[in-house]
């Protein structure tokens, strides 16, 4: 799990430290996509990420959104499946 989150956050996105994102990837995302042979992540904005992975020969995508919960003073994430991918989003 740690090498998974480290590869995505540090190697692919080039972020030195986003501990909250790494923890979320390890705990919530890795169990869902650990069998995938291709995984990538793109930062869309400071609080929005596009995670793409291969499942049974088809690329699938999650939007991951980062929120701050002031009541509990913590960072939380929500994920949603999307049909958007980097080619559809950024290449015209």
C-alpha atoms as a PDB file:
ATOM      1  CA  UNK A   1       0.000   0.000   0.000  1.00  0.00           C
ATOM      2  CA  UNK A   2       2.796   2.421   0.866  1.00  0.00           C
ATOM      3  CA  UNK A   3       4.688   1.861  -2.374  1.00  0.00           C
ATOM      4  CA  UNK A   4       1.392   2.265  -4.282  1.00  0.00           C
ATOM      5  CA  UNK A   5       0.613   5.657  -2.731  1.00  0.00           C
ATOM      6  CA  UNK A   6       4.226   6.787  -2.885  1.00  0.00           C
ATOM      7  CA  UNK A   7       4.511   5.942  -6.590  1.00  0.00           C
ATOM      8  CA  UNK A   8       1.317   7.830  -7.421  1.00  0.00           C
ATOM      9  CA  UNK A   9       1.875  10.919  -5.280  1.00  0.00           C
ATOM     10  CA  UNK A  10       5.647  11.313  -5.454  1.00  0.00           C
ATOM     11  CA  UNK A  11       6.666   9.715  -8.746  1.00  0.00           C
ATOM     12  CA  UNK A  12       3.684  10.447 -10.993  1.00  0.00           C
ATOM     13  CA  UNK A  13       2.361  13.718  -9.548  1.00  0.00           C
ATOM     14  CA  UNK A  14       5.756  14.960  -8.378  1.00  0.00           C
ATOM     15  CA  UNK A  15       4.469  15.993  -4.948  1.00  0.00           C
ATOM     16  CA  UNK A  16       6.938  15.778  -2.101  1.00  0.00           C
ATOM     17  CA  UNK A  17       4.406  15.255   0.620  1.00  0.00           C
ATOM     18  CA  UNK A  18       0.659  15.016   0.682  1.00  0.00           C
ATOM     19  CA  UNK A  19       0.244  12.712   3.637  1.00  0.00           C
ATOM     20  CA  UNK A  20      -3.543  12.967   3.626  1.00  0.00           C
ATOM     21  CA  UNK A  21      -3.780  11.900  -0.015  1.00  0.00           C
ATOM     22  CA  UNK A  22      -1.267   9.099   0.464  1.00  0.00           C
ATOM     23  CA  UNK A  23      -3.153   7.746   3.472  1.00  0.00           C
ATOM     24  CA  UNK A  24      -6.454   7.873   1.569  1.00  0.00           C
ATOM     25  CA  UNK A  25      -4.928   6.060  -1.414  1.00  0.00           C
ATOM     26  CA  UNK A  26      -3.493   3.360   0.854  1.00  0.00           C
ATOM     27  CA  UNK A  27      -6.585   2.791   2.970  1.00  0.00           C
ATOM     28  CA  UNK A  28      -9.500   3.374   0.581  1.00  0.00           C
ATOM     29  CA  UNK A  29      -8.299   3.115  -3.019  1.00  0.00           C
ATOM     30  CA  UNK A  30      -5.621   0.409  -2.973  1.00  0.00           C
ATOM     31  CA  UNK A  31      -8.014  -2.368  -1.866  1.00  0.00           C
ATOM     32  CA  UNK A  32     -10.324  -1.511  -4.786  1.00  0.00           C
ATOM     33  CA  UNK A  33      -7.722  -1.459  -7.551  1.00  0.00           C
ATOM     34  CA  UNK A  34      -4.810  -3.557  -6.296  1.00  0.00           C
ATOM     35  CA  UNK A  35      -5.287  -6.068  -9.161  1.00  0.00           C
ATOM     36  CA  UNK A  36      -4.935  -3.396 -11.851  1.00  0.00           C
ATOM     37  CA  UNK A  37      -1.882  -3.487 -14.125  1.00  0.00           C
ATOM     38  CA  UNK A  38      -2.079   0.268 -14.894  1.00  0.00           C
ATOM     39  CA  UNK A  39      -2.831   3.108 -12.482  1.00  0.00           C
ATOM     40  CA  UNK A  40      -2.190   6.826 -12.825  1.00  0.00           C
ATOM     41  CA  UNK A  41      -3.286  10.030 -11.117  1.00  0.00           C
ATOM     42  CA  UNK A  42      -3.549  13.623 -12.302  1.00  0.00           C
ATOM     43  CA  UNK A  43      -4.053  16.734 -10.210  1.00  0.00           C
ATOM     44  CA  UNK A  44      -6.858  18.788 -11.740  1.00  0.00           C
ATOM     45  CA  UNK A  45      -6.862  21.438  -9.020  1.00  0.00           C
ATOM     46  CA  UNK A  46      -5.626  21.852  -5.464  1.00  0.00           C
ATOM     47  CA  UNK A  47      -8.522  19.720  -4.203  1.00  0.00           C
ATOM     48  CA  UNK A  48      -9.492  17.551  -7.183  1.00  0.00           C
ATOM     49  CA  UNK A  49      -7.687  14.516  -8.621  1.00  0.00           C
ATOM     50  CA  UNK A  50      -8.411  12.149 -11.501  1.00  0.00           C
ATOM     51  CA  UNK A  51      -7.334   8.568 -10.823  1.00  0.00           C
ATOM     52  CA  UNK A  52      -7.390   6.165 -13.786  1.00  0.00           C
ATOM     53  CA  UNK A  53      -6.907   2.403 -13.634  1.00  0.00           C
ATOM     54  CA  UNK A  54      -7.263  -0.668 -15.827  1.00  0.00           C
ATOM     55  CA  UNK A  55      -9.952  -3.163 -14.888  1.00  0.00           C
ATOM     56  CA  UNK A  56     -10.396  -6.235 -17.093  1.00  0.00           C
ATOM     57  CA  UNK A  57      -8.991  -4.433 -20.126  1.00  0.00           C
ATOM     58  CA  UNK A  58     -11.078  -1.274 -19.706  1.00  0.00           C
ATOM     59  CA  UNK A  59      -9.835   1.993 -18.257  1.00  0.00           C
ATOM     60  CA  UNK A  60     -11.981   3.308 -15.412  1.00  0.00           C
ATOM     61  CA  UNK A  61     -11.768   6.628 -13.612  1.00  0.00           C
ATOM     62  CA  UNK A  62     -12.419   8.051 -10.162  1.00  0.00           C
ATOM     63  CA  UNK A  63     -12.650  11.713  -9.284  1.00  0.00           C
ATOM     64  CA  UNK A  64     -11.163  12.198  -5.836  1.00  0.00           C
ATOM     65  CA  UNK A  65     -12.091  15.389  -4.030  1.00  0.00           C
ATOM     66  CA  UNK A  66     -10.340  16.681  -0.937  1.00  0.00           C
ATOM     67  CA  UNK A  67     -12.340  18.554   1.723  1.00  0.00           C
ATOM     68  CA  UNK A  68     -11.602  20.165   5.053  1.00  0.00           C
ATOM     69  CA  UNK A  69     -14.031  19.348   7.863  1.00  0.00           C
ATOM     70  CA  UNK A  70     -13.839  22.285  10.313  1.00  0.00           C
ATOM     71  CA  UNK A  71     -16.062  20.547  12.872  1.00  0.00           C
ATOM     72  CA  UNK A  72     -13.560  17.706  13.290  1.00  0.00           C
ATOM     73  CA  UNK A  73     -10.529  19.696  12.092  1.00  0.00           C
ATOM     74  CA  UNK A  74      -9.575  17.018   9.572  1.00  0.00           C
ATOM     75  CA  UNK A  75      -9.095  16.441   5.861  1.00  0.00           C
ATOM     76  CA  UNK A  76     -11.545  14.028   4.216  1.00  0.00           C
ATOM     77  CA  UNK A  77     -11.875  12.669   0.693  1.00  0.00           C
ATOM     78  CA  UNK A  78     -14.796  11.615  -1.446  1.00  0.00           C
ATOM     79  CA  UNK A  79     -14.571   9.516  -4.584  1.00  0.00           C
ATOM     80  CA  UNK A  80     -16.965   9.209  -7.482  1.00  0.00           C
ATOM     81  CA  UNK A  81     -16.794   7.218 -10.684  1.00  0.00           C
ATOM     82  CA  UNK A  82     -16.623   9.296 -13.848  1.00  0.00           C
ATOM     83  CA  UNK A  83     -16.478   8.809 -17.596  1.00  0.00           C
ATOM     84  CA  UNK A  84     -14.075  11.737 -17.896  1.00  0.00           C
ATOM     85  CA  UNK A  85     -10.476  10.830 -18.617  1.00  0.00           C
ATOM     86  CA  UNK A  86      -7.427  12.982 -19.280  1.00  0.00           C
ATOM     87  CA  UNK A  87      -7.805  12.770 -23.046  1.00  0.00           C
ATOM     88  CA  UNK A  88     -11.461  13.838 -22.955  1.00  0.00           C
ATOM     89  CA  UNK A  89     -10.755  16.524 -20.360  1.00  0.00           C
ATOM     90  CA  UNK A  90      -7.615  18.144 -21.712  1.00  0.00           C
ATOM     91  CA  UNK A  91      -7.093  17.184 -25.363  1.00  0.00           C
ATOM     92  CA  UNK A  92      -9.376  18.711 -27.969  1.00  0.00           C
END
